[in-house]
Amino acid sequence: MSYSNTQAVQLRGSFPKLVASTIVSLSLLATAPASWSQDGTVTVKRTGTGICHDVSSRHYERVKSFKPYPSMQACLDDGGRKPKK
């Protein structure tokens, strides 16, 4: 099977993008915040509005954008607050 010059240029143009995206993905996976527990799970999540959700919170699983903390006390000490019941 032979490629035309246009097809060859298209293949060469997509390869650097693939390599770059792979490197970025692997680097993100390799860097985990120090405040996560040793098994890789987050104990407390602080939302952008400053609410600290621990695993017993009914919203814990829904929180996707957060700053991780090893404990509720660490989150509160950093300016967070407990959720209203």
N, C-alpha and C. Protein backbone atom coordinates (compact mmCIF):
# COMPACT_ATOMS: atom_id res chain seq x y z
N MET A 1 0.85 -1.18 0.00
CA MET A 1 0.00 0.00 0.00
C MET A 1 0.89 1.23 0.00
N SER A 2 0.62 2.13 -0.88
CA SER A 2 1.43 3.35 -0.94
C SER A 2 0.58 4.56 -0.56
N TYR A 3 1.24 5.53 0.05
CA TYR A 3 0.57 6.76 0.47
C TYR A 3 0.96 7.88 -0.47
N SER A 4 0.02 8.78 -0.69
CA SER A 4 0.35 9.98 -1.45
C SER A 4 1.13 10.92 -0.55
N ASN A 5 1.74 11.94 -1.11
CA ASN A 5 2.49 12.91 -0.31
C ASN A 5 1.60 13.58 0.73
N THR A 6 0.37 13.88 0.37
CA THR A 6 -0.56 14.54 1.29
C THR A 6 -0.87 13.63 2.47
N GLN A 7 -1.10 12.35 2.22
CA GLN A 7 -1.40 11.41 3.30
C GLN A 7 -0.20 11.23 4.22
N ALA A 8 0.99 11.18 3.65
CA ALA A 8 2.20 11.03 4.46
C ALA A 8 2.41 12.23 5.37
N VAL A 9 2.15 13.42 4.87
CA VAL A 9 2.29 14.63 5.68
C VAL A 9 1.25 14.63 6.80
N GLN A 10 0.04 14.18 6.52
CA GLN A 10 -1.00 14.11 7.55
C GLN A 10 -0.61 13.14 8.65
N LEU A 11 -0.03 12.00 8.29
CA LEU A 11 0.40 11.03 9.29
C LEU A 11 1.52 11.58 10.15
N ARG A 12 2.49 12.24 9.54
CA ARG A 12 3.60 12.83 10.30
C ARG A 12 3.12 13.95 11.21
N GLY A 13 2.10 14.69 10.81
CA GLY A 13 1.59 15.80 11.62
C GLY A 13 0.86 15.34 12.86
N SER A 14 0.23 14.17 12.82
CA SER A 14 -0.54 13.70 13.97
C SER A 14 0.34 12.99 14.99
N PHE A 15 1.48 12.46 14.58
CA PHE A 15 2.35 11.74 15.50
C PHE A 15 2.87 12.60 16.65
N PRO A 16 3.40 13.80 16.41
CA PRO A 16 3.86 14.64 17.53
C PRO A 16 2.74 14.98 18.52
N LYS A 17 1.54 15.16 18.01
CA LYS A 17 0.41 15.44 18.91
C LYS A 17 0.12 14.24 19.79
N LEU A 18 0.19 13.05 19.22
CA LEU A 18 -0.04 11.83 19.99
C LEU A 18 1.02 11.66 21.07
N VAL A 19 2.26 11.89 20.72
CA VAL A 19 3.35 11.77 21.68
C VAL A 19 3.19 12.80 22.80
N ALA A 20 2.89 14.03 22.43
CA ALA A 20 2.73 15.09 23.44
C ALA A 20 1.58 14.79 24.38
N SER A 21 0.45 14.35 23.85
CA SER A 21 -0.70 14.05 24.71
C SER A 21 -0.42 12.86 25.61
N THR A 22 0.34 11.88 25.13
CA THR A 22 0.70 10.73 25.95
C THR A 22 1.61 11.15 27.09
N ILE A 23 2.58 12.00 26.81
CA ILE A 23 3.50 12.47 27.85
C ILE A 23 2.75 13.26 28.92
N VAL A 24 1.86 14.13 28.51
CA VAL A 24 1.08 14.92 29.47
C VAL A 24 0.21 14.01 30.32
N SER A 25 -0.45 13.05 29.71
CA SER A 25 -1.31 12.12 30.46
C SER A 25 -0.52 11.33 31.49
N LEU A 26 0.62 10.81 31.08
CA LEU A 26 1.44 10.03 32.02
C LEU A 26 1.99 10.88 33.15
N SER A 27 2.35 12.12 32.86
CA SER A 27 2.87 12.98 33.93
C SER A 27 1.78 13.34 34.93
N LEU A 28 0.55 13.51 34.45
CA LEU A 28 -0.55 13.80 35.37
C LEU A 28 -0.85 12.60 36.26
N LEU A 29 -0.76 11.42 35.71
CA LEU A 29 -1.00 10.21 36.50
C LEU A 29 0.10 9.97 37.52
N ALA A 30 1.30 10.37 37.20
CA ALA A 30 2.44 10.12 38.08
C ALA A 30 2.52 11.08 39.26
N THR A 31 1.88 12.22 39.16
CA THR A 31 1.96 13.21 40.24
C THR A 31 0.67 13.22 41.03
N ALA A 32 0.72 12.67 42.21
CA ALA A 32 -0.45 12.65 43.10
C ALA A 32 -0.20 13.61 44.26
N PRO A 33 -1.21 14.36 44.67
CA PRO A 33 -1.03 15.30 45.79
C PRO A 33 -0.59 14.57 47.06
N ALA A 34 0.26 15.21 47.83
CA ALA A 34 0.80 14.60 49.04
C ALA A 34 -0.27 14.39 50.11
N SER A 35 -1.39 15.09 50.03
CA SER A 35 -2.40 14.98 51.07
C SER A 35 -3.37 13.82 50.84
N TRP A 36 -3.19 13.04 49.80
CA TRP A 36 -4.02 11.87 49.59
C TRP A 36 -3.53 10.77 50.53
N SER A 37 -4.42 9.85 50.86
CA SER A 37 -4.00 8.76 51.73
C SER A 37 -3.06 7.83 50.98
N GLN A 38 -2.43 6.93 51.68
CA GLN A 38 -1.42 6.07 51.06
C GLN A 38 -1.99 5.14 50.00
N ASP A 39 -3.27 4.79 50.11
CA ASP A 39 -3.85 3.90 49.11
C ASP A 39 -4.41 4.67 47.91
N GLY A 40 -4.20 6.00 47.88
CA GLY A 40 -4.61 6.80 46.73
C GLY A 40 -5.99 7.40 46.82
N THR A 41 -6.69 7.16 47.91
CA THR A 41 -8.02 7.75 48.06
C THR A 41 -7.95 9.05 48.84
N VAL A 42 -8.87 9.93 48.56
CA VAL A 42 -8.93 11.21 49.24
C VAL A 42 -9.87 11.06 50.44
N THR A 43 -9.44 11.51 51.60
CA THR A 43 -10.26 11.40 52.80
C THR A 43 -11.27 12.53 52.87
N VAL A 44 -10.84 13.77 52.56
CA VAL A 44 -11.72 14.94 52.62
C VAL A 44 -11.51 15.77 51.35
N LYS A 45 -12.64 16.25 50.80
CA LYS A 45 -12.60 17.09 49.60
C LYS A 45 -13.14 18.46 49.96
N ARG A 46 -12.38 19.53 49.65
CA ARG A 46 -12.87 20.90 49.86
C ARG A 46 -13.23 21.50 48.51
N THR A 47 -14.47 21.92 48.38
CA THR A 47 -14.97 22.50 47.14
C THR A 47 -14.47 23.93 46.97
N GLY A 48 -14.74 24.50 45.81
CA GLY A 48 -14.36 25.87 45.54
C GLY A 48 -15.07 26.87 46.44
N THR A 49 -16.21 26.48 46.99
CA THR A 49 -16.94 27.35 47.91
C THR A 49 -16.50 27.16 49.36
N GLY A 50 -15.50 26.28 49.59
CA GLY A 50 -14.92 26.12 50.92
C GLY A 50 -15.60 25.10 51.80
N ILE A 51 -16.46 24.27 51.25
CA ILE A 51 -17.15 23.24 52.04
C ILE A 51 -16.31 21.97 52.04
N CYS A 52 -16.05 21.44 53.24
CA CYS A 52 -15.25 20.22 53.39
C CYS A 52 -16.19 19.01 53.48
N HIS A 53 -16.05 18.10 52.54
CA HIS A 53 -16.87 16.89 52.51
C HIS A 53 -16.00 15.68 52.82
N ASP A 54 -16.34 14.96 53.91
CA ASP A 54 -15.64 13.71 54.17
C ASP A 54 -16.46 12.56 53.58
N VAL A 55 -15.98 11.35 53.72
CA VAL A 55 -16.63 10.21 53.07
C VAL A 55 -18.06 9.97 53.57
N SER A 56 -18.41 10.48 54.72
CA SER A 56 -19.78 10.30 55.24
C SER A 56 -20.76 11.33 54.67
N SER A 57 -20.25 12.34 53.97
CA SER A 57 -21.12 13.36 53.38
C SER A 57 -21.90 12.77 52.21
N ARG A 58 -23.17 13.14 52.09
CA ARG A 58 -23.97 12.61 50.99
C ARG A 58 -23.53 13.18 49.63
N HIS A 59 -22.75 14.24 49.63
CA HIS A 59 -22.28 14.86 48.39
C HIS A 59 -20.85 14.45 48.03
N TYR A 60 -20.20 13.64 48.85
CA TYR A 60 -18.79 13.30 48.66
C TYR A 60 -18.51 12.75 47.26
N GLU A 61 -19.30 11.81 46.80
CA GLU A 61 -19.06 11.19 45.49
C GLU A 61 -19.33 12.15 44.34
N ARG A 62 -20.20 13.13 44.54
CA ARG A 62 -20.54 14.07 43.46
C ARG A 62 -19.52 15.18 43.28
N VAL A 63 -18.71 15.43 44.30
CA VAL A 63 -17.72 16.50 44.23
C VAL A 63 -16.59 16.06 43.30
N LYS A 64 -16.43 16.77 42.19
CA LYS A 64 -15.41 16.42 41.20
C LYS A 64 -14.26 17.42 41.16
N SER A 65 -14.52 18.68 41.48
CA SER A 65 -13.48 19.71 41.50
C SER A 65 -13.23 20.06 42.97
N PHE A 66 -12.04 19.71 43.47
CA PHE A 66 -11.79 19.87 44.91
C PHE A 66 -10.31 19.96 45.20
N LYS A 67 -10.02 20.36 46.45
CA LYS A 67 -8.66 20.30 46.98
C LYS A 67 -8.67 19.17 48.01
N PRO A 68 -7.79 18.19 47.89
CA PRO A 68 -7.81 17.05 48.81
C PRO A 68 -7.13 17.34 50.15
N TYR A 69 -7.64 16.72 51.20
CA TYR A 69 -7.07 16.84 52.54
C TYR A 69 -7.03 15.47 53.19
N PRO A 70 -6.08 15.23 54.06
CA PRO A 70 -5.97 13.93 54.73
C PRO A 70 -6.99 13.74 55.85
N SER A 71 -7.55 14.86 56.36
CA SER A 71 -8.52 14.76 57.47
C SER A 71 -9.45 15.98 57.44
N MET A 72 -10.57 15.84 58.13
CA MET A 72 -11.52 16.96 58.23
C MET A 72 -10.87 18.12 58.97
N GLN A 73 -10.09 17.82 60.01
CA GLN A 73 -9.46 18.89 60.78
C GLN A 73 -8.48 19.70 59.92
N ALA A 74 -7.74 19.02 59.06
CA ALA A 74 -6.80 19.72 58.17
C ALA A 74 -7.56 20.65 57.22
N CYS A 75 -8.70 20.21 56.73
CA CYS A 75 -9.52 21.03 55.83
C CYS A 75 -10.07 22.25 56.57
N LEU A 76 -10.57 22.03 57.78
CA LEU A 76 -11.11 23.13 58.58
C LEU A 76 -10.01 24.13 58.96
N ASP A 77 -8.83 23.62 59.31
CA ASP A 77 -7.70 24.48 59.67
C ASP A 77 -7.24 25.35 58.50
N ASP A 78 -7.52 24.87 57.27
CA ASP A 78 -7.12 25.62 56.06
C ASP A 78 -8.21 26.57 55.60
N GLY A 79 -9.23 26.80 56.42
CA GLY A 79 -10.26 27.77 56.11
C GLY A 79 -11.56 27.19 55.59
N GLY A 80 -11.67 25.88 55.53
CA GLY A 80 -12.91 25.25 55.08
C GLY A 80 -13.96 25.23 56.18
N ARG A 81 -15.17 24.81 55.81
CA ARG A 81 -16.24 24.67 56.80
C ARG A 81 -16.97 23.38 56.56
N LYS A 82 -17.65 22.90 57.59
CA LYS A 82 -18.44 21.68 57.47
C LYS A 82 -19.70 21.96 56.68
N PRO A 83 -20.22 20.97 55.98
CA PRO A 83 -21.49 21.18 55.26
C PRO A 83 -22.66 21.31 56.22
N LYS A 84 -23.69 22.05 55.81
CA LYS A 84 -24.89 22.14 56.63
C LYS A 84 -25.63 20.83 56.53
N LYS A 85 -26.26 20.41 57.58
CA LYS A 85 -26.98 19.13 57.60
C LYS A 85 -28.33 19.24 56.97
